[in-house]
Amino acid sequence: MIRLSSIFLIDEKGEKIGEIETSEALEMAQNAGLDLVEIVPSAKPPVCKIIDWGKYQYQQSKKKQDSGKKKSKVVVKGVRLRPATGENDLNFKLKQVEKFLKKDARVKIEIILRGREKAFRDASKKKLQDFVDKIEIPVKIEQSIQKQFNGWNILIAPKK
């Protein structure tokens, strides 16, 4: 499938042979029982390599799989509060938030308002801020307190 008359060749051992004719490179690949593969088509002249095509595809798929494993997954945990949440429940949820932060997870804290509670938005915003202030682990606020249609939310993460 290589249409150009001259290419830059790398042999099966990884040694650079240099610029040669495509027909000569194809003959070398056939004699070695391998394939001639265009590695860098945008180069002038294009870079081709003598390799086992099946083995090359297998190695590329393994590289792609391994690169996905090394990525760190961003975990966002959620905690929901209500304006009428009792003090003991707030302390329990506070411990949950601290546990999540110790595991390096981001935490989205929401305060949900229903019905007449929506008339007291300012008080609920203050309650959310007080809750965040009670967290003993040092945190950084990734997303400040934002108004939702049914309350407020904030996104925090552990400080590193």
C-alpha atoms as a PDB file:
ATOM      1  CA  MET A   1       0.000   0.000   0.000  1.00  0.00           C
ATOM      2  CA  ILE A   2       3.052   2.291   0.105  1.00  0.00           C
ATOM      3  CA  ARG A   3       2.843   4.395  -3.047  1.00  0.00           C
ATOM      4  CA  LEU A   4       6.030   6.475  -2.846  1.00  0.00           C
ATOM      5  CA  SER A   5       9.132   5.284  -4.649  1.00  0.00           C
ATOM      6  CA  SER A   6      11.584   6.029  -1.853  1.00  0.00           C
ATOM      7  CA  ILE A   7      11.211   5.516   1.923  1.00  0.00           C
ATOM      8  CA  PHE A   8      13.309   5.705   5.087  1.00  0.00           C
ATOM      9  CA  LEU A   9      13.684   2.123   6.357  1.00  0.00           C
ATOM     10  CA  ILE A  10      14.159   0.705   9.833  1.00  0.00           C
ATOM     11  CA  ASP A  11      14.845  -3.038   9.911  1.00  0.00           C
ATOM     12  CA  GLU A  12      13.394  -5.673  12.267  1.00  0.00           C
ATOM     13  CA  LYS A  13      16.229  -5.174  14.788  1.00  0.00           C
ATOM     14  CA  GLY A  14      15.490  -1.443  15.060  1.00  0.00           C
ATOM     15  CA  GLU A  15      18.572  -0.352  13.105  1.00  0.00           C
ATOM     16  CA  LYS A  16      18.206   2.562  10.715  1.00  0.00           C
ATOM     17  CA  ILE A  17      19.076   1.481   7.203  1.00  0.00           C
ATOM     18  CA  GLY A  18      18.349   4.808   5.548  1.00  0.00           C
ATOM     19  CA  GLU A  19      16.568   5.986   2.440  1.00  0.00           C
ATOM     20  CA  ILE A  20      16.006   3.193  -0.097  1.00  0.00           C
ATOM     21  CA  GLU A  21      13.587   2.225  -2.861  1.00  0.00           C
ATOM     22  CA  THR A  22      10.196   0.831  -1.782  1.00  0.00           C
ATOM     23  CA  SER A  23      10.543  -2.263  -3.979  1.00  0.00           C
ATOM     24  CA  GLU A  24      13.891  -3.097  -2.363  1.00  0.00           C
ATOM     25  CA  ALA A  25      12.401  -2.647   1.120  1.00  0.00           C
ATOM     26  CA  LEU A  26       9.459  -4.910   0.247  1.00  0.00           C
ATOM     27  CA  GLU A  27      11.861  -7.563  -0.972  1.00  0.00           C
ATOM     28  CA  MET A  28      13.863  -7.337   2.281  1.00  0.00           C
ATOM     29  CA  ALA A  29      10.641  -7.726   4.311  1.00  0.00           C
ATOM     30  CA  GLN A  30       9.543 -10.768   2.284  1.00  0.00           C
ATOM     31  CA  ASN A  31      12.952 -12.402   2.695  1.00  0.00           C
ATOM     32  CA  ALA A  32      12.680 -11.904   6.479  1.00  0.00           C
ATOM     33  CA  GLY A  33       9.116 -13.300   6.471  1.00  0.00           C
ATOM     34  CA  LEU A  34       7.762 -10.053   7.938  1.00  0.00           C
ATOM     35  CA  ASP A  35       5.712  -7.057   6.794  1.00  0.00           C
ATOM     36  CA  LEU A  36       6.707  -3.580   5.675  1.00  0.00           C
ATOM     37  CA  VAL A  37       4.662  -1.077   7.716  1.00  0.00           C
ATOM     38  CA  GLU A  38       4.497   2.678   7.272  1.00  0.00           C
ATOM     39  CA  ILE A  39       5.116   4.095  10.780  1.00  0.00           C
ATOM     40  CA  VAL A  40       5.337   7.861  10.126  1.00  0.00           C
ATOM     41  CA  PRO A  41       3.534   8.683   6.863  1.00  0.00           C
ATOM     42  CA  SER A  42       3.826  12.463   7.342  1.00  0.00           C
ATOM     43  CA  ALA A  43       7.651  12.462   7.328  1.00  0.00           C
ATOM     44  CA  LYS A  44       9.653  13.279   4.197  1.00  0.00           C
ATOM     45  CA  PRO A  45      10.438  10.550   3.121  1.00  0.00           C
ATOM     46  CA  PRO A  46       7.912   8.412   5.050  1.00  0.00           C
ATOM     47  CA  VAL A  47       9.379   6.164   7.747  1.00  0.00           C
ATOM     48  CA  CYS A  48       8.709   2.455   7.291  1.00  0.00           C
ATOM     49  CA  LYS A  49       9.679  -0.480   9.461  1.00  0.00           C
ATOM     50  CA  ILE A  50      10.017  -4.195   8.874  1.00  0.00           C
ATOM     51  CA  ILE A  51       7.923  -5.871  11.575  1.00  0.00           C
ATOM     52  CA  ASP A  52       5.455  -8.664  12.259  1.00  0.00           C
ATOM     53  CA  TRP A  53       2.125  -6.872  11.711  1.00  0.00           C
ATOM     54  CA  GLY A  54       0.090  -9.136  14.012  1.00  0.00           C
ATOM     55  CA  LYS A  55       2.581  -8.734  16.855  1.00  0.00           C
ATOM     56  CA  TYR A  56       2.658  -4.952  16.294  1.00  0.00           C
ATOM     57  CA  GLN A  57      -1.146  -4.701  16.519  1.00  0.00           C
ATOM     58  CA  TYR A  58      -1.132  -6.800  19.701  1.00  0.00           C
ATOM     59  CA  GLN A  59       1.485  -4.544  21.324  1.00  0.00           C
ATOM     60  CA  GLN A  60      -0.464  -1.410  20.370  1.00  0.00           C
ATOM     61  CA  SER A  61      -3.677  -2.782  21.909  1.00  0.00           C
ATOM     62  CA  LYS A  62      -1.777  -3.678  25.118  1.00  0.00           C
ATOM     63  CA  LYS A  63      -0.322  -0.148  25.304  1.00  0.00           C
ATOM     64  CA  LYS A  64      -3.816   1.299  24.946  1.00  0.00           C
ATOM     65  CA  GLN A  65      -5.162  -0.958  27.720  1.00  0.00           C
ATOM     66  CA  ASP A  66      -2.263  -0.154  30.051  1.00  0.00           C
ATOM     67  CA  SER A  67      -2.592   3.584  29.539  1.00  0.00           C
ATOM     68  CA  GLY A  68      -6.182   3.376  30.767  1.00  0.00           C
ATOM     69  CA  LYS A  69      -5.098   1.604  33.953  1.00  0.00           C
ATOM     70  CA  LYS A  70      -2.640   4.323  34.936  1.00  0.00           C
ATOM     71  CA  LYS A  71      -5.233   7.087  34.849  1.00  0.00           C
ATOM     72  CA  SER A  72      -6.491   8.100  38.245  1.00  0.00           C
ATOM     73  CA  LYS A  73     -10.223   8.064  38.535  1.00  0.00           C
ATOM     74  CA  VAL A  74     -11.847  11.147  40.004  1.00  0.00           C
ATOM     75  CA  VAL A  75     -14.364  10.079  42.628  1.00  0.00           C
ATOM     76  CA  VAL A  76     -17.111  12.480  43.651  1.00  0.00           C
ATOM     77  CA  LYS A  77     -19.096  11.498  46.714  1.00  0.00           C
ATOM     78  CA  GLY A  78     -22.270  13.247  47.698  1.00  0.00           C
ATOM     79  CA  VAL A  79     -23.856  14.280  50.980  1.00  0.00           C
ATOM     80  CA  ARG A  80     -27.333  15.788  51.188  1.00  0.00           C
ATOM     81  CA  LEU A  81     -28.572  17.970  53.990  1.00  0.00           C
ATOM     82  CA  ARG A  82     -31.902  19.556  54.812  1.00  0.00           C
ATOM     83  CA  PRO A  83     -32.532  22.739  56.788  1.00  0.00           C
ATOM     84  CA  ALA A  84     -34.303  20.683  59.472  1.00  0.00           C
ATOM     85  CA  THR A  85     -31.500  18.106  59.809  1.00  0.00           C
ATOM     86  CA  GLY A  86     -30.799  17.516  63.490  1.00  0.00           C
ATOM     87  CA  GLU A  87     -27.461  18.109  65.220  1.00  0.00           C
ATOM     88  CA  ASN A  88     -26.681  14.390  65.645  1.00  0.00           C
ATOM     89  CA  ASP A  89     -27.397  13.712  61.988  1.00  0.00           C
ATOM     90  CA  LEU A  90     -25.178  16.636  60.998  1.00  0.00           C
ATOM     91  CA  ASN A  91     -22.347  15.194  63.111  1.00  0.00           C
ATOM     92  CA  PHE A  92     -22.800  11.791  61.428  1.00  0.00           C
ATOM     93  CA  LYS A  93     -22.731  13.357  57.969  1.00  0.00           C
ATOM     94  CA  LEU A  94     -19.688  15.395  59.000  1.00  0.00           C
ATOM     95  CA  LYS A  95     -17.853  12.162  59.851  1.00  0.00           C
ATOM     96  CA  GLN A  96     -18.903  10.707  56.488  1.00  0.00           C
ATOM     97  CA  VAL A  97     -17.519  13.749  54.649  1.00  0.00           C
ATOM     98  CA  GLU A  98     -14.232  13.497  56.550  1.00  0.00           C
ATOM     99  CA  LYS A  99     -14.008   9.776  55.728  1.00  0.00           C
ATOM    100  CA  PHE A 100     -14.528  10.534  52.026  1.00  0.00           C
ATOM    101  CA  LEU A 101     -11.892  13.276  52.118  1.00  0.00           C
ATOM    102  CA  LYS A 102      -9.366  10.931  53.770  1.00  0.00           C
ATOM    103  CA  LYS A 103      -9.831   8.586  50.802  1.00  0.00           C
ATOM    104  CA  ASP A 104      -8.939  11.485  48.438  1.00  0.00           C
ATOM    105  CA  ALA A 105     -12.450  11.777  47.043  1.00  0.00           C
ATOM    106  CA  ARG A 106     -14.121  15.022  46.147  1.00  0.00           C
ATOM    107  CA  VAL A 107     -17.311  15.688  48.060  1.00  0.00           C
ATOM    108  CA  LYS A 108     -20.388  17.479  46.773  1.00  0.00           C
ATOM    109  CA  ILE A 109     -22.450  18.756  49.671  1.00  0.00           C
ATOM    110  CA  GLU A 110     -26.022  19.754  48.875  1.00  0.00           C
ATOM    111  CA  ILE A 111     -28.702  21.328  50.973  1.00  0.00           C
ATOM    112  CA  ILE A 112     -32.121  20.559  49.549  1.00  0.00           C
ATOM    113  CA  LEU A 113     -35.068  22.893  50.085  1.00  0.00           C
ATOM    114  CA  ARG A 114     -38.715  21.895  49.746  1.00  0.00           C
ATOM    115  CA  GLY A 115     -41.894  23.906  49.876  1.00  0.00           C
ATOM    116  CA  ARG A 116     -41.793  26.728  52.423  1.00  0.00           C
ATOM    117  CA  GLU A 117     -38.135  26.047  53.137  1.00  0.00           C
ATOM    118  CA  LYS A 118     -37.371  27.905  49.894  1.00  0.00           C
ATOM    119  CA  ALA A 119     -38.455  31.130  51.592  1.00  0.00           C
ATOM    120  CA  PHE A 120     -35.433  30.817  53.916  1.00  0.00           C
ATOM    121  CA  ARG A 121     -32.685  30.417  51.310  1.00  0.00           C
ATOM    122  CA  ASP A 122     -30.240  32.710  53.125  1.00  0.00           C
ATOM    123  CA  ALA A 123     -30.496  30.717  56.359  1.00  0.00           C
ATOM    124  CA  SER A 124     -29.929  27.448  54.489  1.00  0.00           C
ATOM    125  CA  LYS A 125     -26.895  28.901  52.690  1.00  0.00           C
ATOM    126  CA  LYS A 126     -25.447  29.910  56.070  1.00  0.00           C
ATOM    127  CA  LYS A 127     -26.153  26.413  57.416  1.00  0.00           C
ATOM    128  CA  LEU A 128     -24.244  24.901  54.483  1.00  0.00           C
ATOM    129  CA  GLN A 129     -21.302  27.259  55.043  1.00  0.00           C
ATOM    130  CA  ASP A 130     -21.285  26.425  58.776  1.00  0.00           C
ATOM    131  CA  PHE A 131     -21.260  22.718  57.918  1.00  0.00           C
ATOM    132  CA  VAL A 132     -18.239  23.173  55.628  1.00  0.00           C
ATOM    133  CA  ASP A 133     -16.475  25.236  58.314  1.00  0.00           C
ATOM    134  CA  LYS A 134     -16.908  22.390  60.837  1.00  0.00           C
ATOM    135  CA  ILE A 135     -14.855  19.986  58.690  1.00  0.00           C
ATOM    136  CA  GLU A 136     -11.597  19.401  60.553  1.00  0.00           C
ATOM    137  CA  ILE A 137      -9.593  18.106  57.582  1.00  0.00           C
ATOM    138  CA  PRO A 138      -8.016  20.915  55.499  1.00  0.00           C
ATOM    139  CA  VAL A 139     -10.062  21.275  52.306  1.00  0.00           C
ATOM    140  CA  LYS A 140      -9.941  23.353  49.195  1.00  0.00           C
ATOM    141  CA  ILE A 141     -13.157  24.599  47.679  1.00  0.00           C
ATOM    142  CA  GLU A 142     -13.229  23.538  44.051  1.00  0.00           C
ATOM    143  CA  GLN A 143     -16.646  25.023  43.388  1.00  0.00           C
ATOM    144  CA  SER A 144     -17.990  27.672  45.723  1.00  0.00           C
ATOM    145  CA  ILE A 145     -21.549  27.633  47.018  1.00  0.00           C
ATOM    146  CA  GLN A 146     -23.894  27.732  44.054  1.00  0.00           C
ATOM    147  CA  LYS A 147     -27.620  28.209  43.912  1.00  0.00           C
ATOM    148  CA  GLN A 148     -29.680  25.355  42.512  1.00  0.00           C
ATOM    149  CA  PHE A 149     -33.360  25.419  41.710  1.00  0.00           C
ATOM    150  CA  ASN A 150     -34.032  23.432  44.896  1.00  0.00           C
ATOM    151  CA  GLY A 151     -31.256  24.581  47.222  1.00  0.00           C
ATOM    152  CA  TRP A 152     -27.477  25.069  47.360  1.00  0.00           C
ATOM    153  CA  ASN A 153     -24.403  22.965  46.651  1.00  0.00           C
ATOM    154  CA  ILE A 154     -20.639  23.142  47.090  1.00  0.00           C
ATOM    155  CA  LEU A 155     -17.797  20.941  45.826  1.00  0.00           C
ATOM    156  CA  ILE A 156     -14.786  20.400  48.082  1.00  0.00           C
ATOM    157  CA  ALA A 157     -11.616  18.314  47.859  1.00  0.00           C
ATOM    158  CA  PRO A 158      -8.821  17.460  50.286  1.00  0.00           C
ATOM    159  CA  LYS A 159      -5.890  19.865  50.355  1.00  0.00           C
ATOM    160  CA  LYS A 160      -2.637  18.245  49.265  1.00  0.00           C
END
